[in-house]
Amino acid sequence: MLANGGGAYDVPDLTRLSPVQQMGIACARCGRRLGASGRRVGTVRDRWGHAFVLWVCSHGCFLGGRTRSG
């Protein structure tokens, strides 16, 4: 897994994220839906070289939240 983070955040492991977190629909850290807001946290590549842009909540998130959306 290759990660290109923004520096301020740790880029999560792609294999631990749900599909909606991988697609940028939900926060990569807490799992909440992002809606129209969010901050780009970095880009990761899977073992086949596909790039995924990961997003987090724009005004901070609940870090004790779920790592997978339900």
PDB file of N, CA and C in Angstrom:
ATOM      1  N   MET A   1       0.833  -1.168   0.000  1.00  0.00           N
ATOM      2  CA  MET A   1       0.000   0.000   0.000  1.00  0.00           C
ATOM      3  C   MET A   1       0.884   1.240   0.000  1.00  0.00           C
ATOM      4  N   LEU A   2       0.813   2.030  -1.010  1.00  0.00           N
ATOM      5  CA  LEU A   2       1.575   3.266  -1.090  1.00  0.00           C
ATOM      6  C   LEU A   2       0.694   4.415  -0.650  1.00  0.00           C
ATOM      7  N   ALA A   3       1.214   5.314   0.173  1.00  0.00           N
ATOM      8  CA  ALA A   3       0.410   6.434   0.658  1.00  0.00           C
ATOM      9  C   ALA A   3       1.134   7.746   0.421  1.00  0.00           C
ATOM     10  N   ASN A   4       0.397   8.713  -0.067  1.00  0.00           N
ATOM     11  CA  ASN A   4       0.894  10.079  -0.235  1.00  0.00           C
ATOM     12  C   ASN A   4       0.026  10.980   0.608  1.00  0.00           C
ATOM     13  N   GLY A   5       0.398  11.184   1.851  1.00  0.00           N
ATOM     14  CA  GLY A   5      -0.413  11.970   2.768  1.00  0.00           C
ATOM     15  C   GLY A   5      -0.148  13.449   2.652  1.00  0.00           C
ATOM     16  N   GLY A   6      -1.044  14.230   3.273  1.00  0.00           N
ATOM     17  CA  GLY A   6      -0.906  15.670   3.276  1.00  0.00           C
ATOM     18  C   GLY A   6       0.072  16.149   4.335  1.00  0.00           C
ATOM     19  N   GLY A   7       0.580  15.258   5.169  1.00  0.00           N
ATOM     20  CA  GLY A   7       1.558  15.632   6.174  1.00  0.00           C
ATOM     21  C   GLY A   7       0.967  15.835   7.549  1.00  0.00           C
ATOM     22  N   ALA A   8      -0.208  16.452   7.640  1.00  0.00           N
ATOM     23  CA  ALA A   8      -0.797  16.745   8.938  1.00  0.00           C
ATOM     24  C   ALA A   8      -1.564  15.555   9.510  1.00  0.00           C
ATOM     25  N   TYR A   9      -1.945  14.625   8.676  1.00  0.00           N
ATOM     26  CA  TYR A   9      -2.760  13.503   9.099  1.00  0.00           C
ATOM     27  C   TYR A   9      -2.079  12.192   8.765  1.00  0.00           C
ATOM     28  N   ASP A  10      -2.420  11.163   9.508  1.00  0.00           N
ATOM     29  CA  ASP A  10      -1.988   9.816   9.159  1.00  0.00           C
ATOM     30  C   ASP A  10      -2.976   9.284   8.131  1.00  0.00           C
ATOM     31  N   VAL A  11      -2.481   8.760   7.046  1.00  0.00           N
ATOM     32  CA  VAL A  11      -3.349   8.197   6.017  1.00  0.00           C
ATOM     33  C   VAL A  11      -3.706   6.778   6.434  1.00  0.00           C
ATOM     34  N   PRO A  12      -5.007   6.483   6.571  1.00  0.00           N
ATOM     35  CA  PRO A  12      -5.430   5.151   7.014  1.00  0.00           C
ATOM     36  C   PRO A  12      -5.071   4.066   6.009  1.00  0.00           C
ATOM     37  N   ASP A  13      -4.982   2.843   6.494  1.00  0.00           N
ATOM     38  CA  ASP A  13      -4.724   1.685   5.652  1.00  0.00           C
ATOM     39  C   ASP A  13      -5.972   1.408   4.814  1.00  0.00           C
ATOM     40  N   LEU A  14      -5.823   1.344   3.513  1.00  0.00           N
ATOM     41  CA  LEU A  14      -6.934   1.163   2.588  1.00  0.00           C
ATOM     42  C   LEU A  14      -7.722  -0.107   2.867  1.00  0.00           C
ATOM     43  N   THR A  15      -7.053  -1.171   3.283  1.00  0.00           N
ATOM     44  CA  THR A  15      -7.740  -2.445   3.509  1.00  0.00           C
ATOM     45  C   THR A  15      -8.674  -2.419   4.721  1.00  0.00           C
ATOM     46  N   ARG A  16      -8.526  -1.437   5.600  1.00  0.00           N
ATOM     47  CA  ARG A  16      -9.375  -1.335   6.784  1.00  0.00           C
ATOM     48  C   ARG A  16     -10.588  -0.441   6.559  1.00  0.00           C
ATOM     49  N   LEU A  17     -10.708   0.162   5.402  1.00  0.00           N
ATOM     50  CA  LEU A  17     -11.801   1.088   5.128  1.00  0.00           C
ATOM     51  C   LEU A  17     -12.939   0.418   4.376  1.00  0.00           C
ATOM     52  N   SER A  18     -14.144   0.909   4.623  1.00  0.00           N
ATOM     53  CA  SER A  18     -15.313   0.410   3.896  1.00  0.00           C
ATOM     54  C   SER A  18     -15.309   1.006   2.482  1.00  0.00           C
ATOM     55  N   PRO A  19     -16.114   0.460   1.583  1.00  0.00           N
ATOM     56  CA  PRO A  19     -16.170   1.025   0.227  1.00  0.00           C
ATOM     57  C   PRO A  19     -16.561   2.502   0.193  1.00  0.00           C
ATOM     58  N   VAL A  20     -17.496   2.943   1.051  1.00  0.00           N
ATOM     59  CA  VAL A  20     -17.886   4.357   1.032  1.00  0.00           C
ATOM     60  C   VAL A  20     -16.771   5.265   1.547  1.00  0.00           C
ATOM     61  N   GLN A  21     -15.913   4.749   2.429  1.00  0.00           N
ATOM     62  CA  GLN A  21     -14.754   5.518   2.871  1.00  0.00           C
ATOM     63  C   GLN A  21     -13.699   5.564   1.765  1.00  0.00           C
ATOM     64  N   GLN A  22     -13.525   4.479   1.046  1.00  0.00           N
ATOM     65  CA  GLN A  22     -12.560   4.441  -0.053  1.00  0.00           C
ATOM     66  C   GLN A  22     -12.972   5.370  -1.189  1.00  0.00           C
ATOM     67  N   MET A  23     -14.273   5.507  -1.437  1.00  0.00           N
ATOM     68  CA  MET A  23     -14.767   6.344  -2.530  1.00  0.00           C
ATOM     69  C   MET A  23     -14.871   7.815  -2.163  1.00  0.00           C
ATOM     70  N   GLY A  24     -14.661   8.172  -0.900  1.00  0.00           N
ATOM     71  CA  GLY A  24     -14.734   9.567  -0.481  1.00  0.00           C
ATOM     72  C   GLY A  24     -16.132  10.031  -0.133  1.00  0.00           C
ATOM     73  N   ILE A  25     -17.068   9.110   0.055  1.00  0.00           N
ATOM     74  CA  ILE A  25     -18.428   9.461   0.450  1.00  0.00           C
ATOM     75  C   ILE A  25     -18.496   9.666   1.957  1.00  0.00           C
ATOM     76  N   ALA A  26     -17.690   8.899   2.698  1.00  0.00           N
ATOM     77  CA  ALA A  26     -17.641   8.984   4.157  1.00  0.00           C
ATOM     78  C   ALA A  26     -16.218   9.294   4.605  1.00  0.00           C
ATOM     79  N   CYS A  27     -16.102   9.865   5.800  1.00  0.00           N
ATOM     80  CA  CYS A  27     -14.805  10.218   6.379  1.00  0.00           C
ATOM     81  C   CYS A  27     -13.934   8.968   6.536  1.00  0.00           C
ATOM     82  N   ALA A  28     -12.689   9.073   6.132  1.00  0.00           N
ATOM     83  CA  ALA A  28     -11.762   7.946   6.231  1.00  0.00           C
ATOM     84  C   ALA A  28     -11.344   7.677   7.673  1.00  0.00           C
ATOM     85  N   ARG A  29     -11.589   8.615   8.581  1.00  0.00           N
ATOM     86  CA  ARG A  29     -11.208   8.430   9.976  1.00  0.00           C
ATOM     87  C   ARG A  29     -12.364   7.969  10.848  1.00  0.00           C
ATOM     88  N   CYS A  30     -13.523   8.653  10.773  1.00  0.00           N
ATOM     89  CA  CYS A  30     -14.621   8.336  11.690  1.00  0.00           C
ATOM     90  C   CYS A  30     -15.785   7.609  11.019  1.00  0.00           C
ATOM     91  N   GLY A  31     -15.869   7.627   9.703  1.00  0.00           N
ATOM     92  CA  GLY A  31     -16.912   6.898   9.001  1.00  0.00           C
ATOM     93  C   GLY A  31     -18.200   7.668   8.766  1.00  0.00           C
ATOM     94  N   ARG A  32     -18.283   8.933   9.236  1.00  0.00           N
ATOM     95  CA  ARG A  32     -19.492   9.725   9.000  1.00  0.00           C
ATOM     96  C   ARG A  32     -19.562  10.187   7.548  1.00  0.00           C
ATOM     97  N   ARG A  33     -20.794  10.330   7.043  1.00  0.00           N
ATOM     98  CA  ARG A  33     -21.000  10.827   5.683  1.00  0.00           C
ATOM     99  C   ARG A  33     -20.484  12.260   5.590  1.00  0.00           C
ATOM    100  N   LEU A  34     -19.790  12.588   4.499  1.00  0.00           N
ATOM    101  CA  LEU A  34     -19.185  13.908   4.343  1.00  0.00           C
ATOM    102  C   LEU A  34     -20.135  14.939   3.759  1.00  0.00           C
ATOM    103  N   GLY A  35     -21.074  14.535   2.930  1.00  0.00           N
ATOM    104  CA  GLY A  35     -21.950  15.503   2.277  1.00  0.00           C
ATOM    105  C   GLY A  35     -21.140  16.364   1.336  1.00  0.00           C
ATOM    106  N   ALA A  36     -21.349  17.682   1.409  1.00  0.00           N
ATOM    107  CA  ALA A  36     -20.662  18.609   0.501  1.00  0.00           C
ATOM    108  C   ALA A  36     -19.360  19.147   1.073  1.00  0.00           C
ATOM    109  N   SER A  37     -18.970  18.696   2.257  1.00  0.00           N
ATOM    110  CA  SER A  37     -17.743  19.211   2.866  1.00  0.00           C
ATOM    111  C   SER A  37     -16.765  18.087   3.151  1.00  0.00           C
ATOM    112  N   GLY A  38     -15.525  18.431   3.259  1.00  0.00           N
ATOM    113  CA  GLY A  38     -14.482  17.472   3.582  1.00  0.00           C
ATOM    114  C   GLY A  38     -13.117  18.013   3.185  1.00  0.00           C
ATOM    115  N   ARG A  39     -12.082  17.416   3.739  1.00  0.00           N
ATOM    116  CA  ARG A  39     -10.701  17.776   3.404  1.00  0.00           C
ATOM    117  C   ARG A  39      -9.989  16.557   2.874  1.00  0.00           C
ATOM    118  N   ARG A  40      -9.221  16.763   1.846  1.00  0.00           N
ATOM    119  CA  ARG A  40      -8.439  15.677   1.271  1.00  0.00           C
ATOM    120  C   ARG A  40      -7.295  15.350   2.227  1.00  0.00           C
ATOM    121  N   VAL A  41      -7.170  14.083   2.581  1.00  0.00           N
ATOM    122  CA  VAL A  41      -6.131  13.681   3.527  1.00  0.00           C
ATOM    123  C   VAL A  41      -4.954  13.033   2.807  1.00  0.00           C
ATOM    124  N   GLY A  42      -5.182  12.487   1.638  1.00  0.00           N
ATOM    125  CA  GLY A  42      -4.092  11.872   0.894  1.00  0.00           C
ATOM    126  C   GLY A  42      -4.596  10.889  -0.139  1.00  0.00           C
ATOM    127  N   THR A  43      -3.669  10.324  -0.858  1.00  0.00           N
ATOM    128  CA  THR A  43      -3.971   9.350  -1.891  1.00  0.00           C
ATOM    129  C   THR A  43      -3.251   8.051  -1.562  1.00  0.00           C
ATOM    130  N   VAL A  44      -3.966   6.950  -1.677  1.00  0.00           N
ATOM    131  CA  VAL A  44      -3.358   5.639  -1.471  1.00  0.00           C
ATOM    132  C   VAL A  44      -3.567   4.802  -2.725  1.00  0.00           C
ATOM    133  N   ARG A  45      -2.701   3.830  -2.918  1.00  0.00           N
ATOM    134  CA  ARG A  45      -2.825   2.924  -4.057  1.00  0.00           C
ATOM    135  C   ARG A  45      -2.939   1.505  -3.537  1.00  0.00           C
ATOM    136  N   ASP A  46      -3.847   0.745  -4.166  1.00  0.00           N
ATOM    137  CA  ASP A  46      -3.982  -0.648  -3.781  1.00  0.00           C
ATOM    138  C   ASP A  46      -2.882  -1.465  -4.447  1.00  0.00           C
ATOM    139  N   ARG A  47      -2.908  -2.763  -4.236  1.00  0.00           N
ATOM    140  CA  ARG A  47      -1.815  -3.597  -4.751  1.00  0.00           C
ATOM    141  C   ARG A  47      -1.787  -3.693  -6.265  1.00  0.00           C
ATOM    142  N   TRP A  48      -2.866  -3.266  -6.945  1.00  0.00           N
ATOM    143  CA  TRP A  48      -2.894  -3.265  -8.408  1.00  0.00           C
ATOM    144  C   TRP A  48      -2.578  -1.896  -8.990  1.00  0.00           C
ATOM    145  N   GLY A  49      -2.324  -0.923  -8.119  1.00  0.00           N
ATOM    146  CA  GLY A  49      -1.957   0.413  -8.574  1.00  0.00           C
ATOM    147  C   GLY A  49      -3.111   1.385  -8.728  1.00  0.00           C
ATOM    148  N   HIS A  50      -4.330   0.984  -8.355  1.00  0.00           N
ATOM    149  CA  HIS A  50      -5.473   1.896  -8.439  1.00  0.00           C
ATOM    150  C   HIS A  50      -5.373   2.952  -7.342  1.00  0.00           C
ATOM    151  N   ALA A  51      -5.567   4.207  -7.710  1.00  0.00           N
ATOM    152  CA  ALA A  51      -5.471   5.303  -6.748  1.00  0.00           C
ATOM    153  C   ALA A  51      -6.821   5.595  -6.109  1.00  0.00           C
ATOM    154  N   PHE A  52      -6.803   5.831  -4.802  1.00  0.00           N
ATOM    155  CA  PHE A  52      -7.988   6.220  -4.050  1.00  0.00           C
ATOM    156  C   PHE A  52      -7.655   7.493  -3.286  1.00  0.00           C
ATOM    157  N   VAL A  53      -8.449   8.540  -3.472  1.00  0.00           N
ATOM    158  CA  VAL A  53      -8.281   9.791  -2.731  1.00  0.00           C
ATOM    159  C   VAL A  53      -9.119   9.670  -1.467  1.00  0.00           C
ATOM    160  N   LEU A  54      -8.489   9.828  -0.312  1.00  0.00           N
ATOM    161  CA  LEU A  54      -9.185   9.711   0.965  1.00  0.00           C
ATOM    162  C   LEU A  54      -9.517  11.097   1.505  1.00  0.00           C
ATOM    163  N   TRP A  55     -10.706  11.208   2.113  1.00  0.00           N
ATOM    164  CA  TRP A  55     -11.221  12.467   2.643  1.00  0.00           C
ATOM    165  C   TRP A  55     -11.574  12.312   4.111  1.00  0.00           C
ATOM    166  N   VAL A  56     -11.441  13.409   4.876  1.00  0.00           N
ATOM    167  CA  VAL A  56     -11.827  13.435   6.285  1.00  0.00           C
ATOM    168  C   VAL A  56     -12.788  14.595   6.508  1.00  0.00           C
ATOM    169  N   CYS A  57     -13.447  14.608   7.665  1.00  0.00           N
ATOM    170  CA  CYS A  57     -14.377  15.682   8.014  1.00  0.00           C
ATOM    171  C   CYS A  57     -13.662  17.029   7.943  1.00  0.00           C
ATOM    172  N   SER A  58     -14.348  18.049   7.432  1.00  0.00           N
ATOM    173  CA  SER A  58     -13.711  19.347   7.226  1.00  0.00           C
ATOM    174  C   SER A  58     -13.420  20.097   8.514  1.00  0.00           C
ATOM    175  N   HIS A  59     -14.205  19.880   9.561  1.00  0.00           N
ATOM    176  CA  HIS A  59     -14.007  20.607  10.821  1.00  0.00           C
ATOM    177  C   HIS A  59     -13.660  19.664  11.956  1.00  0.00           C
ATOM    178  N   GLY A  60     -12.855  18.667  11.673  1.00  0.00           N
ATOM    179  CA  GLY A  60     -12.478  17.688  12.692  1.00  0.00           C
ATOM    180  C   GLY A  60     -13.528  16.595  12.782  1.00  0.00           C
ATOM    181  N   CYS A  61     -13.166  15.486  13.343  1.00  0.00           N
ATOM    182  CA  CYS A  61     -14.110  14.384  13.443  1.00  0.00           C
ATOM    183  C   CYS A  61     -13.942  13.683  14.770  1.00  0.00           C
ATOM    184  N   PHE A  62     -14.902  12.842  15.068  1.00  0.00           N
ATOM    185  CA  PHE A  62     -14.889  12.063  16.290  1.00  0.00           C
ATOM    186  C   PHE A  62     -13.913  10.901  16.093  1.00  0.00           C
ATOM    187  N   LEU A  63     -12.714  11.020  16.635  1.00  0.00           N
ATOM    188  CA  LEU A  63     -11.668  10.034  16.395  1.00  0.00           C
ATOM    189  C   LEU A  63     -11.946   8.696  17.023  1.00  0.00           C
ATOM    190  N   GLY A  64     -12.822   8.636  18.013  1.00  0.00           N
ATOM    191  CA  GLY A  64     -13.169   7.368  18.640  1.00  0.00           C
ATOM    192  C   GLY A  64     -14.279   6.653  17.891  1.00  0.00           C
ATOM    193  N   GLY A  65     -14.647   7.181  16.733  1.00  0.00           N
ATOM    194  CA  GLY A  65     -15.758   6.615  15.957  1.00  0.00           C
ATOM    195  C   GLY A  65     -15.371   5.310  15.280  1.00  0.00           C
ATOM    196  N   ARG A  66     -16.299   4.848  14.475  1.00  0.00           N
ATOM    197  CA  ARG A  66     -16.108   3.578  13.776  1.00  0.00           C
ATOM    198  C   ARG A  66     -15.059   3.725  12.683  1.00  0.00           C
ATOM    199  N   THR A  67     -14.389   2.638  12.349  1.00  0.00           N
ATOM    200  CA  THR A  67     -13.471   2.644  11.227  1.00  0.00           C
ATOM    201  C   THR A  67     -14.168   2.130   9.979  1.00  0.00           C
ATOM    202  N   ARG A  68     -15.347   1.556  10.144  1.00  0.00           N
ATOM    203  CA  ARG A  68     -16.162   1.099   9.022  1.00  0.00           C
ATOM    204  C   ARG A  68     -17.560   1.671   9.167  1.00  0.00           C
ATOM    205  N   SER A  69     -18.119   2.107   8.069  1.00  0.00           N
ATOM    206  CA  SER A  69     -19.500   2.619   8.099  1.00  0.00           C
ATOM    207  C   SER A  69     -20.472   1.459   8.158  1.00  0.00           C
ATOM    208  N   GLY A  70     -21.559   1.652   8.849  1.00  0.00           N
ATOM    209  CA  GLY A  70     -22.534   0.587   8.992  1.00  0.00           C
ATOM    210  C   GLY A  70     -23.729   0.710   8.129  1.00  0.00           C
TER     211      GLY A  70
END
